[in-house]
Protein backbone atom coordinates (compact mmCIF):
# COMPACT_ATOMS: atom_id res chain seq x y z
CA MET A 1 122.91 110.12 54.60
CA GLU A 2 124.26 109.39 58.57
CA LEU A 3 122.61 107.27 61.25
CA PHE A 4 123.04 107.77 64.76
CA TYR A 5 121.21 105.03 66.71
CA HIS A 6 122.03 101.72 69.04
CA PRO A 7 121.53 98.55 68.01
CA LEU A 8 119.54 97.73 71.51
CA SER A 9 117.15 100.24 70.59
CA ARG A 10 113.71 98.98 69.62
CA TYR A 11 113.08 102.20 68.10
CA SER A 12 116.45 102.31 66.41
CA GLN A 13 115.95 98.68 65.25
CA LYS A 14 112.23 99.92 63.62
CA VAL A 15 114.52 102.41 61.55
CA LEU A 16 117.08 100.06 60.65
CA LEU A 17 114.91 97.83 59.44
CA SER A 18 113.32 100.48 57.49
CA LEU A 19 116.34 101.43 56.04
CA TYR A 20 117.41 97.95 54.47
CA GLU A 21 113.39 97.52 53.48
CA LYS A 22 113.87 100.65 51.26
CA GLN A 23 117.61 99.38 50.13
CA VAL A 24 119.25 102.81 51.09
CA ASN A 25 122.73 103.45 51.75
CA PHE A 26 123.82 105.18 55.04
CA TYR A 27 126.52 105.65 56.98
CA PRO A 28 126.01 103.83 60.44
CA ARG A 29 127.00 105.49 63.77
CA VAL A 30 126.39 103.47 66.41
CA THR A 31 125.92 105.82 69.64
CA ASP A 32 125.94 104.79 73.03
CA LEU A 33 124.37 107.40 75.10
CA ARG A 34 125.75 105.83 78.47
CA ASP A 35 128.98 106.58 77.82
CA PRO A 36 129.67 110.28 78.87
CA VAL A 37 131.70 111.25 76.72
CA THR A 38 129.69 109.80 73.47
CA ARG A 39 126.82 111.37 75.12
CA GLY A 40 128.71 115.01 74.87
CA HIS A 41 129.76 114.58 71.74
CA PHE A 42 125.93 113.37 70.26
CA ARG A 43 124.47 116.60 72.41
CA ALA A 44 127.06 118.65 70.62
CA LEU A 45 125.34 117.41 67.29
CA PHE A 46 121.48 117.43 68.94
CA PRO A 47 120.97 118.69 72.25
CA LEU A 48 118.48 116.57 73.04
CA ALA A 49 120.05 113.33 72.91
CA ARG A 50 117.61 111.13 71.30
CA LEU A 51 118.26 108.15 69.12
CA PRO A 52 118.04 106.82 66.58
CA MET A 53 118.58 110.27 64.49
CA LEU A 54 119.05 110.72 61.10
CA LYS A 55 120.75 113.22 59.52
CA CYS A 56 119.60 113.95 55.98
CA LEU A 57 121.49 114.57 52.82
CA ASP A 58 120.63 118.38 53.40
CA GLY A 59 121.79 118.44 56.73
CA ARG A 60 118.46 118.41 58.07
CA LEU A 61 118.51 116.37 61.44
CA LEU A 62 115.32 113.79 61.94
CA PRO A 63 115.09 112.24 65.25
CA ASP A 64 111.75 110.33 65.59
CA ALA A 65 111.84 106.67 64.18
CA SER A 66 108.08 107.18 62.54
CA ILE A 67 109.38 110.42 60.45
CA ILE A 68 112.63 108.87 59.57
CA ALA A 69 110.73 105.83 57.89
CA GLU A 70 108.54 108.35 56.07
CA TYR A 71 111.30 110.26 54.97
CA LEU A 72 112.85 107.24 53.66
CA ASP A 73 109.81 106.73 51.95
CA HIS A 74 109.21 109.82 50.04
CA ARG A 75 112.86 110.31 49.44
CA PHE A 76 113.54 106.98 47.96
CA ASP A 77 111.88 105.13 45.27
CA SER A 78 113.72 101.84 45.87
CA GLY A 79 112.60 99.00 47.58
CA THR A 80 109.87 98.43 49.89
CA ARG A 81 106.69 100.88 50.05
CA LEU A 82 106.28 101.68 53.69
CA LEU A 83 103.27 103.76 53.50
CA PRO A 84 100.89 102.97 50.82
CA GLU A 85 99.47 105.88 48.61
CA ASP A 86 96.38 105.19 49.30
CA PRO A 87 94.92 107.44 52.00
CA ASP A 88 92.72 105.27 53.87
CA ARG A 89 95.76 102.30 53.52
CA ASN A 90 98.09 105.05 54.71
CA LEU A 91 96.12 106.20 57.42
CA GLU A 92 95.46 102.32 58.88
CA VAL A 93 99.28 102.07 58.53
CA ARG A 94 99.84 104.82 60.74
CA LEU A 95 97.55 104.23 63.33
CA TYR A 96 98.97 100.95 63.51
CA ASP A 97 102.55 102.31 63.91
CA ARG A 98 101.51 104.64 66.68
CA LEU A 99 99.36 101.92 68.41
CA ILE A 100 102.19 99.53 68.67
CA ASP A 101 104.53 102.26 70.05
CA GLN A 102 102.20 103.19 72.67
CA ASP A 103 100.87 100.18 73.60
CA LEU A 104 103.80 97.61 72.92
CA ASN A 105 107.38 99.34 72.96
CA ALA A 106 106.24 102.04 75.88
CA PRO A 107 104.76 99.12 78.61
CA LEU A 108 108.13 96.62 77.47
CA PHE A 109 110.39 99.80 78.20
CA GLN A 110 108.76 99.84 81.62
CA LEU A 111 108.82 96.22 81.94
CA ASP A 112 112.75 95.96 81.22
CA LYS A 113 113.20 98.78 83.70
CA LEU A 114 111.63 96.90 86.16
CA ARG A 115 113.45 93.89 86.13
CA GLN A 116 117.17 95.57 85.85
CA PRO A 117 118.70 93.91 88.64
CA GLN A 118 120.25 97.14 89.55
CA ALA A 119 116.20 98.41 90.07
CA ASP A 120 115.85 99.96 93.47
CA LYS A 121 112.35 97.83 93.85
CA GLN A 122 111.24 94.97 91.71
CA ASP A 123 107.38 96.02 92.04
CA SER A 124 105.93 92.01 91.03
CA LEU A 125 102.45 93.60 90.47
CA GLN A 126 103.52 96.28 88.44
CA ILE A 127 105.39 93.36 86.62
CA LYS A 128 102.43 91.15 86.50
CA SER A 129 100.32 94.20 85.08
CA LEU A 130 102.49 94.98 81.93
CA GLU A 131 102.39 91.59 81.04
CA LYS A 132 99.22 91.23 81.11
CA SER A 133 98.94 94.70 79.37
CA LEU A 134 101.14 93.17 76.78
CA LYS A 135 99.46 89.49 76.36
CA LEU A 136 96.30 91.40 75.83
CA ALA A 137 97.48 93.81 73.12
CA LEU A 138 99.33 90.70 71.49
CA GLU A 139 96.03 88.73 71.49
CA ALA A 140 94.22 91.85 69.38
CA LEU A 141 97.19 91.33 67.04
CA ASP A 142 96.91 87.37 66.31
CA LEU A 143 92.91 87.99 65.87
CA ARG A 144 94.26 90.49 63.59
CA LEU A 145 96.68 88.65 61.56
CA ALA A 146 93.90 85.59 60.91
CA GLY A 147 93.14 87.35 57.78
CA GLN A 148 96.32 88.72 56.64
CA HIS A 149 99.88 87.93 55.78
CA TRP A 150 101.56 91.14 57.45
CA LEU A 151 99.75 93.52 59.96
CA CYS A 152 98.14 96.06 57.09
CA GLY A 153 97.84 93.67 54.66
CA ASP A 154 99.67 91.47 51.82
CA SER A 155 102.78 93.78 51.61
CA LEU A 156 104.90 95.01 54.80
CA THR A 157 104.70 98.58 56.10
CA LEU A 158 106.21 100.74 58.35
CA ALA A 159 103.62 99.05 60.84
CA ASP A 160 105.72 95.99 60.89
CA CYS A 161 108.80 97.74 60.94
CA ALA A 162 107.32 98.85 64.44
CA PHE A 163 106.07 95.56 65.62
CA ILE A 164 108.60 93.07 64.66
CA PRO A 165 111.39 94.60 66.58
CA CYS A 166 108.91 94.82 69.99
CA LEU A 167 107.69 91.40 68.86
CA SER A 168 111.42 89.94 68.92
CA ARG A 169 111.52 91.28 73.00
CA CYS A 170 107.94 89.67 73.31
CA GLN A 171 109.21 86.38 72.32
CA ASP A 172 111.88 86.49 75.16
CA LEU A 173 109.40 87.77 77.91
CA LEU A 174 106.15 86.13 77.54
CA SER A 175 104.50 82.47 76.36
CA LEU A 176 103.05 82.82 73.02
CA LEU A 177 102.86 79.62 72.08
CA GLU A 178 99.05 79.66 72.20
CA LEU A 179 99.02 82.92 69.63
CA GLU A 180 99.10 80.70 66.18
CA HIS A 181 98.89 83.45 64.07
CA LEU A 182 101.68 85.48 65.45
CA ALA A 183 103.63 82.01 65.45
CA ARG A 184 103.64 82.88 61.97
CA TYR A 185 103.90 85.93 61.62
CA TRP A 186 107.32 85.77 63.35
CA GLN A 187 108.27 82.63 61.75
CA GLN A 188 107.95 84.91 58.20
CA ALA A 189 109.53 87.69 60.18
CA GLN A 190 112.55 85.85 60.70
CA LEU A 191 112.91 85.00 56.96
CA ARG A 192 113.00 88.55 56.03
CA GLY A 193 116.02 89.67 54.65
CA ALA A 194 116.24 93.04 56.32
CA TRP A 195 115.34 91.71 59.75
CA VAL A 196 118.23 89.31 59.52
CA LEU A 197 120.23 91.96 58.59
CA VAL A 198 119.05 93.89 62.15
CA GLN A 199 119.07 91.03 64.01
CA GLU A 200 123.21 90.13 63.21
CA GLU A 201 123.56 93.89 64.54
CA VAL A 202 122.03 93.25 67.79
CA ASP A 203 123.55 89.76 68.35
CA LEU A 204 126.93 91.34 67.97
CA ALA A 205 126.06 94.18 70.56
CA HIS A 206 124.82 92.18 72.61
CA MET A 207 127.81 89.53 72.39
CA ASN A 208 129.98 93.23 72.90
CA GLU A 209 128.22 93.74 75.84
CA LEU A 210 128.74 90.82 77.39
CA ASN A 211 132.47 90.77 76.77
CA GLY A 212 132.73 94.32 78.49
CA LEU A 213 131.13 92.66 81.37
CA GLN A 214 133.65 89.40 81.49
CA THR A 215 136.57 92.20 81.72
CA GLN A 216 135.19 93.93 83.82
CA ILE A 217 135.04 91.11 86.61
């Protein structure tokens, strides 16, 4: 299998976390769509040029992070079970995976875009509104974590693979010290071997980008 992704994309991080939790071998293809040549080559393979994208063993192309994780869970028995077999728990995991994408990942994307130095206009009111929405979502998740180890029970699932990359970014942007259950959750997530591997890729990508900027200066 080949994974086309970028380590700084939270959706890519969700898939990387899923792959490492499943202990599945894959060929990594880091793809920077900001580069015109790279984007052109990737478009030839997948015209929508959307990351992450998994090229399966049979040649199929899967361009959605949640669908990729579901494919891995059905295709491979190794490692962590990402989607429970019980229908009710399965639905709960899917629900929180979608809620996190909508209530955390989407606002984080908007917030990052507004905070870019080259943004035409940094709308402080919109930034505050997005930060408030994020805090409300995180407070609700903090209450949920008061009674359980992971987001959907005692074991890590797809919902956590979606949540941990978002929470990592939230730690950088917001003050979350008063959310004690989230603080405990974040500490245990950082000790997870799969997330350590993802974080190593993220740190390396940040370092490469910084070196690139310094070279331009």
